[in-house]
Amino acid sequence: MNNTRFLKAGLVVMVLLNIITIAFLWIGKPSHGEGPRGPHGPHDDGPFQFLCDRLHLDSKQVADYEKLRDEHHNAIEKYQDHSHELRNRFFALLQSANADSAMVKQYADSIAMDQQQIELITFYHFKKLRAICTPEQQKTFDEVIGDALKMMSGPQHGPPPPPR
């Protein structure tokens, strides 16, 4: 009988722990469209705010940087949209048993060209940002730009777990 009471008490404790764990997971889960840095609108303010803070930009520099950010976004948007469309067509070729290898290569090359344009636009965007910085801010910029680029590229996934 003592054994039965012990098992019942253990069962109650386990059920309570499961309920508490589920509650923490459910309450702590970000709402749709939000990540660890908050909502993502047309611009992800994570890298923008990060650079403003780390570079200690003054109000004029922030206004100039906002303009640069908007120009950058508008410039790459058409390439991103085109690349998305090309990717859809590219992977639609998987449905064909005899996909034309020349067409596959052409789509892959076109996607690569769009990505190249995005990279060039982004490079010159940050070159312009660096140019509005003071020499001291430029030193800091050189130290933190890698972190900002990682933030822009989204969550980083580590290496796969080791085999068991």
N, C-alpha and C. Protein backbone atom coordinates (compact mmCIF):
# COMPACT_ATOMS: atom_id res chain seq x y z
N MET A 1 0.82 -1.18 0.00
CA MET A 1 0.00 0.00 0.00
C MET A 1 0.86 1.25 0.00
N ASN A 2 1.96 1.22 0.76
CA ASN A 2 2.90 2.34 0.81
C ASN A 2 3.51 2.57 -0.57
N ASN A 3 3.74 1.47 -1.28
CA ASN A 3 4.30 1.53 -2.63
C ASN A 3 3.32 2.22 -3.58
N THR A 4 2.03 1.98 -3.43
CA THR A 4 1.02 2.56 -4.29
C THR A 4 0.95 4.07 -4.07
N ARG A 5 1.01 4.50 -2.81
CA ARG A 5 0.99 5.94 -2.50
C ARG A 5 2.21 6.63 -3.11
N PHE A 6 3.35 5.98 -3.03
CA PHE A 6 4.58 6.54 -3.60
C PHE A 6 4.45 6.69 -5.12
N LEU A 7 3.89 5.68 -5.80
CA LEU A 7 3.71 5.74 -7.24
C LEU A 7 2.71 6.83 -7.63
N LYS A 8 1.62 6.96 -6.85
CA LYS A 8 0.63 8.00 -7.13
C LYS A 8 1.25 9.39 -6.95
N ALA A 9 2.01 9.58 -5.91
CA ALA A 9 2.66 10.87 -5.66
C ALA A 9 3.66 11.18 -6.78
N GLY A 10 4.41 10.19 -7.21
CA GLY A 10 5.36 10.37 -8.31
C GLY A 10 4.66 10.73 -9.60
N LEU A 11 3.52 10.10 -9.85
CA LEU A 11 2.75 10.39 -11.05
C LEU A 11 2.22 11.83 -11.03
N VAL A 12 1.73 12.27 -9.88
CA VAL A 12 1.22 13.63 -9.75
C VAL A 12 2.36 14.64 -9.97
N VAL A 13 3.52 14.37 -9.40
CA VAL A 13 4.66 15.27 -9.58
C VAL A 13 5.07 15.33 -11.05
N MET A 14 5.10 14.21 -11.72
CA MET A 14 5.48 14.19 -13.14
C MET A 14 4.47 14.94 -14.00
N VAL A 15 3.19 14.78 -13.72
CA VAL A 15 2.16 15.49 -14.48
C VAL A 15 2.31 17.00 -14.27
N LEU A 16 2.52 17.42 -13.03
CA LEU A 16 2.72 18.84 -12.73
C LEU A 16 3.95 19.40 -13.45
N LEU A 17 5.04 18.65 -13.44
CA LEU A 17 6.26 19.09 -14.14
C LEU A 17 6.01 19.23 -15.64
N ASN A 18 5.28 18.29 -16.22
CA ASN A 18 4.96 18.37 -17.65
C ASN A 18 4.11 19.59 -17.95
N ILE A 19 3.12 19.87 -17.11
CA ILE A 19 2.26 21.03 -17.32
C ILE A 19 3.07 22.31 -17.22
N ILE A 20 3.93 22.40 -16.24
CA ILE A 20 4.77 23.59 -16.06
C ILE A 20 5.70 23.76 -17.25
N THR A 21 6.31 22.67 -17.72
CA THR A 21 7.22 22.74 -18.87
C THR A 21 6.48 23.20 -20.11
N ILE A 22 5.32 22.64 -20.37
CA ILE A 22 4.54 23.04 -21.54
C ILE A 22 4.12 24.50 -21.43
N ALA A 23 3.73 24.93 -20.24
CA ALA A 23 3.34 26.33 -20.04
C ALA A 23 4.51 27.27 -20.34
N PHE A 24 5.70 26.95 -19.86
CA PHE A 24 6.88 27.78 -20.13
C PHE A 24 7.20 27.82 -21.63
N LEU A 25 7.10 26.69 -22.29
CA LEU A 25 7.36 26.65 -23.72
C LEU A 25 6.33 27.46 -24.49
N TRP A 26 5.07 27.35 -24.09
CA TRP A 26 4.01 28.05 -24.79
C TRP A 26 4.08 29.55 -24.53
N ILE A 27 4.29 29.96 -23.30
CA ILE A 27 4.36 31.38 -22.96
C ILE A 27 5.62 32.02 -23.53
N GLY A 28 6.73 31.32 -23.51
CA GLY A 28 8.00 31.87 -23.98
C GLY A 28 8.16 31.87 -25.48
N LYS A 29 7.23 31.25 -26.20
CA LYS A 29 7.34 31.16 -27.66
C LYS A 29 7.01 32.51 -28.30
N PRO A 30 7.90 33.02 -29.21
CA PRO A 30 7.59 34.30 -29.85
C PRO A 30 6.36 34.17 -30.73
N SER A 31 5.58 35.25 -30.82
CA SER A 31 4.40 35.22 -31.66
C SER A 31 4.81 35.17 -33.13
N HIS A 32 3.86 34.85 -33.99
CA HIS A 32 4.14 34.72 -35.42
C HIS A 32 4.76 36.00 -35.96
N GLY A 33 5.86 35.86 -36.71
CA GLY A 33 6.50 37.02 -37.31
C GLY A 33 7.52 37.68 -36.42
N GLU A 34 7.73 37.16 -35.24
CA GLU A 34 8.73 37.73 -34.37
C GLU A 34 9.81 36.71 -34.09
N GLY A 35 11.02 37.20 -34.05
CA GLY A 35 12.15 36.35 -33.71
C GLY A 35 12.78 36.87 -32.44
N PRO A 36 14.00 36.47 -32.16
CA PRO A 36 14.65 36.92 -30.94
C PRO A 36 14.89 38.42 -30.91
N ARG A 37 14.90 39.08 -32.08
CA ARG A 37 15.15 40.52 -32.10
C ARG A 37 13.88 41.33 -32.31
N GLY A 38 12.71 40.68 -32.31
CA GLY A 38 11.46 41.40 -32.47
C GLY A 38 10.88 41.24 -33.85
N PRO A 39 9.86 42.03 -34.15
CA PRO A 39 9.17 41.87 -35.43
C PRO A 39 10.05 42.25 -36.61
N HIS A 40 9.84 41.58 -37.71
CA HIS A 40 10.61 41.85 -38.93
C HIS A 40 9.67 42.46 -39.95
N GLY A 41 9.81 43.74 -40.16
CA GLY A 41 9.00 44.44 -41.14
C GLY A 41 9.74 44.48 -42.45
N PRO A 42 9.49 45.54 -43.27
CA PRO A 42 10.21 45.66 -44.53
C PRO A 42 11.71 45.77 -44.32
N HIS A 43 12.10 46.28 -43.17
CA HIS A 43 13.51 46.35 -42.82
C HIS A 43 13.68 45.64 -41.49
N ASP A 44 14.74 44.92 -41.34
CA ASP A 44 15.05 44.31 -40.06
C ASP A 44 15.88 45.32 -39.29
N ASP A 45 15.29 45.91 -38.24
CA ASP A 45 15.99 46.96 -37.51
C ASP A 45 17.09 46.42 -36.60
N GLY A 46 17.24 45.10 -36.51
CA GLY A 46 18.29 44.55 -35.68
C GLY A 46 19.67 45.04 -36.09
N PRO A 47 20.09 44.79 -37.34
CA PRO A 47 21.41 45.27 -37.77
C PRO A 47 21.50 46.80 -37.79
N PHE A 48 20.42 47.46 -38.19
CA PHE A 48 20.41 48.93 -38.23
C PHE A 48 20.65 49.49 -36.83
N GLN A 49 19.86 49.03 -35.87
CA GLN A 49 20.00 49.54 -34.51
C GLN A 49 21.35 49.13 -33.91
N PHE A 50 21.77 47.92 -34.21
CA PHE A 50 23.07 47.44 -33.72
C PHE A 50 24.19 48.37 -34.18
N LEU A 51 24.20 48.71 -35.47
CA LEU A 51 25.26 49.59 -35.99
C LEU A 51 25.12 51.01 -35.45
N CYS A 52 23.89 51.51 -35.35
CA CYS A 52 23.71 52.86 -34.77
C CYS A 52 24.27 52.91 -33.35
N ASP A 53 23.97 51.88 -32.58
CA ASP A 53 24.43 51.84 -31.18
C ASP A 53 25.94 51.67 -31.09
N ARG A 54 26.46 50.71 -31.81
CA ARG A 54 27.90 50.41 -31.70
C ARG A 54 28.77 51.52 -32.26
N LEU A 55 28.28 52.20 -33.30
CA LEU A 55 29.07 53.26 -33.92
C LEU A 55 28.83 54.61 -33.25
N HIS A 56 27.85 54.66 -32.35
CA HIS A 56 27.49 55.92 -31.68
C HIS A 56 27.23 57.01 -32.71
N LEU A 57 26.33 56.70 -33.65
CA LEU A 57 26.00 57.65 -34.71
C LEU A 57 25.22 58.82 -34.13
N ASP A 58 25.53 60.03 -34.60
CA ASP A 58 24.76 61.20 -34.17
C ASP A 58 23.46 61.25 -34.99
N SER A 59 22.58 62.20 -34.69
CA SER A 59 21.26 62.23 -35.32
C SER A 59 21.35 62.43 -36.84
N LYS A 60 22.28 63.22 -37.31
CA LYS A 60 22.44 63.41 -38.77
C LYS A 60 22.92 62.11 -39.41
N GLN A 61 23.88 61.45 -38.77
CA GLN A 61 24.37 60.19 -39.32
C GLN A 61 23.26 59.13 -39.35
N VAL A 62 22.43 59.10 -38.30
CA VAL A 62 21.32 58.14 -38.27
C VAL A 62 20.36 58.42 -39.42
N ALA A 63 20.04 59.70 -39.66
CA ALA A 63 19.15 60.06 -40.77
C ALA A 63 19.77 59.66 -42.11
N ASP A 64 21.07 59.91 -42.27
CA ASP A 64 21.76 59.52 -43.51
C ASP A 64 21.75 57.99 -43.67
N TYR A 65 21.98 57.29 -42.56
CA TYR A 65 22.00 55.84 -42.60
C TYR A 65 20.61 55.29 -42.92
N GLU A 66 19.55 55.89 -42.36
CA GLU A 66 18.19 55.46 -42.68
C GLU A 66 17.93 55.59 -44.18
N LYS A 67 18.38 56.69 -44.76
CA LYS A 67 18.21 56.90 -46.20
C LYS A 67 18.98 55.81 -46.97
N LEU A 68 20.20 55.55 -46.56
CA LEU A 68 21.00 54.49 -47.20
C LEU A 68 20.30 53.13 -47.08
N ARG A 69 19.76 52.86 -45.90
CA ARG A 69 19.08 51.58 -45.66
C ARG A 69 17.89 51.43 -46.60
N ASP A 70 17.11 52.50 -46.73
CA ASP A 70 15.93 52.45 -47.61
C ASP A 70 16.35 52.27 -49.07
N GLU A 71 17.39 52.98 -49.49
CA GLU A 71 17.90 52.83 -50.85
C GLU A 71 18.37 51.39 -51.09
N HIS A 72 19.07 50.84 -50.11
CA HIS A 72 19.58 49.47 -50.22
C HIS A 72 18.41 48.49 -50.36
N HIS A 73 17.43 48.66 -49.51
CA HIS A 73 16.28 47.76 -49.54
C HIS A 73 15.59 47.81 -50.91
N ASN A 74 15.35 49.03 -51.40
CA ASN A 74 14.68 49.19 -52.71
C ASN A 74 15.53 48.61 -53.84
N ALA A 75 16.83 48.76 -53.75
CA ALA A 75 17.72 48.28 -54.81
C ALA A 75 17.77 46.76 -54.88
N ILE A 76 17.76 46.10 -53.73
CA ILE A 76 17.89 44.63 -53.77
C ILE A 76 16.55 43.93 -53.90
N GLU A 77 15.47 44.63 -53.61
CA GLU A 77 14.15 43.98 -53.63
C GLU A 77 13.83 43.37 -54.99
N LYS A 78 14.11 44.10 -56.07
CA LYS A 78 13.79 43.56 -57.40
C LYS A 78 14.61 42.31 -57.71
N TYR A 79 15.87 42.28 -57.25
CA TYR A 79 16.70 41.08 -57.47
C TYR A 79 16.20 39.91 -56.64
N GLN A 80 15.77 40.19 -55.41
CA GLN A 80 15.25 39.12 -54.57
C GLN A 80 13.96 38.55 -55.16
N ASP A 81 13.08 39.42 -55.63
CA ASP A 81 11.83 38.95 -56.23
C ASP A 81 12.11 38.12 -57.48
N HIS A 82 12.99 38.62 -58.33
CA HIS A 82 13.33 37.91 -59.57
C HIS A 82 13.97 36.57 -59.25
N SER A 83 14.87 36.56 -58.28
CA SER A 83 15.55 35.32 -57.89
C SER A 83 14.54 34.30 -57.34
N HIS A 84 13.58 34.76 -56.57
CA HIS A 84 12.56 33.87 -56.03
C HIS A 84 11.75 33.23 -57.16
N GLU A 85 11.39 34.05 -58.14
CA GLU A 85 10.66 33.56 -59.30
C GLU A 85 11.49 32.52 -60.07
N LEU A 86 12.77 32.83 -60.26
CA LEU A 86 13.66 31.89 -60.97
C LEU A 86 13.80 30.58 -60.20
N ARG A 87 13.91 30.66 -58.88
CA ARG A 87 14.04 29.44 -58.08
C ARG A 87 12.80 28.56 -58.23
N ASN A 88 11.64 29.19 -58.25
CA ASN A 88 10.40 28.41 -58.43
C ASN A 88 10.42 27.67 -59.76
N ARG A 89 10.83 28.36 -60.82
CA ARG A 89 10.91 27.72 -62.14
C ARG A 89 11.99 26.64 -62.17
N PHE A 90 13.11 26.95 -61.53
CA PHE A 90 14.26 26.04 -61.47
C PHE A 90 13.83 24.71 -60.83
N PHE A 91 13.22 24.78 -59.65
CA PHE A 91 12.85 23.56 -58.97
C PHE A 91 11.61 22.90 -59.57
N ALA A 92 10.85 23.64 -60.35
CA ALA A 92 9.74 23.03 -61.08
C ALA A 92 10.27 22.04 -62.12
N LEU A 93 11.50 22.25 -62.56
CA LEU A 93 12.12 21.33 -63.53
C LEU A 93 12.28 19.92 -62.94
N LEU A 94 12.25 19.81 -61.62
CA LEU A 94 12.35 18.49 -60.99
C LEU A 94 11.17 17.60 -61.36
N GLN A 95 10.06 18.21 -61.72
CA GLN A 95 8.86 17.45 -62.08
C GLN A 95 8.98 16.79 -63.44
N SER A 96 9.93 17.25 -64.23
CA SER A 96 10.13 16.68 -65.56
C SER A 96 11.15 15.54 -65.48
N ALA A 97 10.78 14.42 -66.03
CA ALA A 97 11.68 13.26 -66.02
C ALA A 97 12.93 13.54 -66.86
N ASN A 98 12.78 14.33 -67.91
CA ASN A 98 13.90 14.63 -68.80
C ASN A 98 14.17 16.13 -68.82
N ALA A 99 14.52 16.66 -67.68
CA ALA A 99 14.79 18.10 -67.59
C ALA A 99 15.99 18.45 -68.46
N ASP A 100 15.84 19.49 -69.24
CA ASP A 100 16.90 19.96 -70.14
C ASP A 100 18.05 20.50 -69.31
N SER A 101 19.23 19.88 -69.41
CA SER A 101 20.37 20.29 -68.60
C SER A 101 20.82 21.71 -68.93
N ALA A 102 20.64 22.14 -70.17
CA ALA A 102 20.99 23.52 -70.53
C ALA A 102 20.07 24.50 -69.81
N MET A 103 18.79 24.15 -69.68
CA MET A 103 17.83 25.01 -68.99
C MET A 103 18.16 25.05 -67.49
N VAL A 104 18.51 23.90 -66.93
CA VAL A 104 18.90 23.84 -65.52
C VAL A 104 20.08 24.78 -65.27
N LYS A 105 21.09 24.69 -66.12
CA LYS A 105 22.28 25.54 -65.98
C LYS A 105 21.92 27.01 -66.16
N GLN A 106 21.05 27.31 -67.12
CA GLN A 106 20.66 28.69 -67.37
C GLN A 106 19.96 29.29 -66.14
N TYR A 107 19.04 28.54 -65.54
CA TYR A 107 18.37 29.03 -64.33
C TYR A 107 19.37 29.21 -63.19
N ALA A 108 20.26 28.24 -63.01
CA ALA A 108 21.25 28.35 -61.94
C ALA A 108 22.15 29.57 -62.14
N ASP A 109 22.56 29.82 -63.38
CA ASP A 109 23.39 30.98 -63.68
C ASP A 109 22.63 32.29 -63.43
N SER A 110 21.37 32.33 -63.79
CA SER A 110 20.57 33.53 -63.58
C SER A 110 20.37 33.82 -62.09
N ILE A 111 20.13 32.77 -61.32
CA ILE A 111 19.99 32.93 -59.87
C ILE A 111 21.30 33.45 -59.29
N ALA A 112 22.41 32.90 -59.76
CA ALA A 112 23.73 33.33 -59.29
C ALA A 112 24.00 34.80 -59.65
N MET A 113 23.57 35.21 -60.82
CA MET A 113 23.76 36.61 -61.23
C MET A 113 22.95 37.56 -60.34
N ASP A 114 21.72 37.17 -60.01
CA ASP A 114 20.92 37.99 -59.10
C ASP A 114 21.62 38.10 -57.74
N GLN A 115 22.11 36.98 -57.25
CA GLN A 115 22.79 36.99 -55.95
C GLN A 115 24.05 37.85 -56.01
N GLN A 116 24.76 37.79 -57.12
CA GLN A 116 25.95 38.62 -57.29
C GLN A 116 25.58 40.10 -57.21
N GLN A 117 24.50 40.48 -57.86
CA GLN A 117 24.06 41.88 -57.81
C GLN A 117 23.70 42.30 -56.39
N ILE A 118 23.01 41.42 -55.66
CA ILE A 118 22.65 41.71 -54.27
C ILE A 118 23.90 41.92 -53.43
N GLU A 119 24.90 41.07 -53.64
CA GLU A 119 26.15 41.19 -52.87
C GLU A 119 26.88 42.48 -53.19
N LEU A 120 26.92 42.85 -54.48
CA LEU A 120 27.58 44.10 -54.87
C LEU A 120 26.85 45.31 -54.30
N ILE A 121 25.53 45.31 -54.39
CA ILE A 121 24.75 46.42 -53.85
C ILE A 121 24.98 46.53 -52.34
N THR A 122 25.01 45.40 -51.65
CA THR A 122 25.23 45.40 -50.21
C THR A 122 26.63 45.90 -49.87
N PHE A 123 27.62 45.48 -50.63
CA PHE A 123 28.99 45.93 -50.41
C PHE A 123 29.07 47.46 -50.50
N TYR A 124 28.53 48.01 -51.58
CA TYR A 124 28.61 49.46 -51.77
C TYR A 124 27.72 50.22 -50.78
N HIS A 125 26.65 49.59 -50.32
CA HIS A 125 25.82 50.18 -49.26
C HIS A 125 26.66 50.39 -48.00
N PHE A 126 27.38 49.35 -47.60
CA PHE A 126 28.18 49.48 -46.38
C PHE A 126 29.40 50.36 -46.60
N LYS A 127 29.89 50.43 -47.81
CA LYS A 127 30.98 51.36 -48.11
C LYS A 127 30.51 52.79 -47.91
N LYS A 128 29.27 53.08 -48.34
CA LYS A 128 28.69 54.42 -48.14
C LYS A 128 28.46 54.70 -46.66
N LEU A 129 28.00 53.69 -45.92
CA LEU A 129 27.82 53.87 -44.47
C LEU A 129 29.15 54.19 -43.81
N ARG A 130 30.17 53.44 -44.17
CA ARG A 130 31.50 53.67 -43.58
C ARG A 130 31.99 55.08 -43.89
N ALA A 131 31.64 55.60 -45.08
CA ALA A 131 32.09 56.93 -45.49
C ALA A 131 31.45 58.05 -44.66
N ILE A 132 30.27 57.82 -44.09
CA ILE A 132 29.65 58.87 -43.27
C ILE A 132 30.13 58.83 -41.82
N CYS A 133 30.98 57.85 -41.52
CA CYS A 133 31.51 57.71 -40.17
C CYS A 133 32.77 58.56 -39.98
N THR A 134 33.01 58.94 -38.74
CA THR A 134 34.26 59.62 -38.39
C THR A 134 35.38 58.58 -38.42
N PRO A 135 36.64 59.01 -38.44
CA PRO A 135 37.73 58.03 -38.42
C PRO A 135 37.66 57.06 -37.23
N GLU A 136 37.26 57.54 -36.07
CA GLU A 136 37.13 56.66 -34.90
C GLU A 136 35.99 55.66 -35.10
N GLN A 137 34.87 56.14 -35.65
CA GLN A 137 33.74 55.25 -35.93
C GLN A 137 34.11 54.22 -37.00
N GLN A 138 34.95 54.62 -37.95
CA GLN A 138 35.37 53.68 -38.99
C GLN A 138 36.15 52.52 -38.40
N LYS A 139 36.94 52.79 -37.38
CA LYS A 139 37.67 51.70 -36.72
C LYS A 139 36.69 50.72 -36.09
N THR A 140 35.69 51.27 -35.40
CA THR A 140 34.67 50.41 -34.79
C THR A 140 33.87 49.67 -35.86
N PHE A 141 33.54 50.38 -36.93
CA PHE A 141 32.82 49.77 -38.06
C PHE A 141 33.58 48.53 -38.55
N ASP A 142 34.88 48.69 -38.75
CA ASP A 142 35.70 47.58 -39.24
C ASP A 142 35.66 46.38 -38.29
N GLU A 143 35.50 46.66 -37.00
CA GLU A 143 35.47 45.58 -36.01
C GLU A 143 34.12 44.87 -35.93
N VAL A 144 33.02 45.61 -36.21
CA VAL A 144 31.70 45.04 -35.96
C VAL A 144 30.90 44.70 -37.22
N ILE A 145 31.40 45.05 -38.39
CA ILE A 145 30.61 44.83 -39.60
C ILE A 145 30.30 43.34 -39.82
N GLY A 146 31.22 42.48 -39.45
CA GLY A 146 30.96 41.04 -39.59
C GLY A 146 29.76 40.59 -38.76
N ASP A 147 29.63 41.14 -37.56
CA ASP A 147 28.48 40.79 -36.72
C ASP A 147 27.18 41.29 -37.34
N ALA A 148 27.20 42.49 -37.89
CA ALA A 148 26.00 43.04 -38.54
C ALA A 148 25.60 42.19 -39.75
N LEU A 149 26.59 41.76 -40.52
CA LEU A 149 26.30 40.92 -41.70
C LEU A 149 25.70 39.58 -41.28
N LYS A 150 26.19 39.03 -40.18
CA LYS A 150 25.62 37.77 -39.68
C LYS A 150 24.17 37.97 -39.28
N MET A 151 23.88 39.13 -38.66
CA MET A 151 22.50 39.42 -38.26
C MET A 151 21.60 39.53 -39.49
N MET A 152 22.12 40.11 -40.56
CA MET A 152 21.34 40.29 -41.78
C MET A 152 21.04 38.96 -42.45
N SER A 153 21.96 38.02 -42.33
CA SER A 153 21.79 36.75 -43.03
C SER A 153 20.86 35.80 -42.29
N GLY A 154 20.41 36.18 -41.11
CA GLY A 154 19.47 35.34 -40.37
C GLY A 154 20.18 34.46 -39.37
N PRO A 155 19.40 33.57 -38.74
CA PRO A 155 19.99 32.71 -37.72
C PRO A 155 21.04 31.80 -38.33
N GLN A 156 22.12 31.69 -37.63
CA GLN A 156 23.20 30.83 -38.07
C GLN A 156 23.02 29.45 -37.47
N HIS A 157 23.16 28.47 -38.30
CA HIS A 157 23.05 27.10 -37.84
C HIS A 157 24.44 26.54 -37.70
N GLY A 158 24.69 25.94 -36.57
CA GLY A 158 26.01 25.38 -36.32
C GLY A 158 26.21 24.11 -37.12
N PRO A 159 27.36 23.48 -36.91
CA PRO A 159 27.63 22.23 -37.62
C PRO A 159 26.67 21.16 -37.14
N PRO A 160 26.48 20.13 -37.95
CA PRO A 160 25.57 19.05 -37.53
C PRO A 160 26.14 18.35 -36.30
N PRO A 161 25.27 17.73 -35.51
CA PRO A 161 25.75 17.03 -34.33
C PRO A 161 26.65 15.87 -34.72
N PRO A 162 27.58 15.50 -33.86
CA PRO A 162 28.46 14.38 -34.18
C PRO A 162 27.67 13.08 -34.27
N PRO A 163 28.15 12.14 -35.08
CA PRO A 163 27.44 10.85 -35.20
C PRO A 163 27.52 10.10 -33.90
N ARG A 164 26.49 9.28 -33.67
CA ARG A 164 26.44 8.50 -32.42
C ARG A 164 27.09 7.17 -32.59
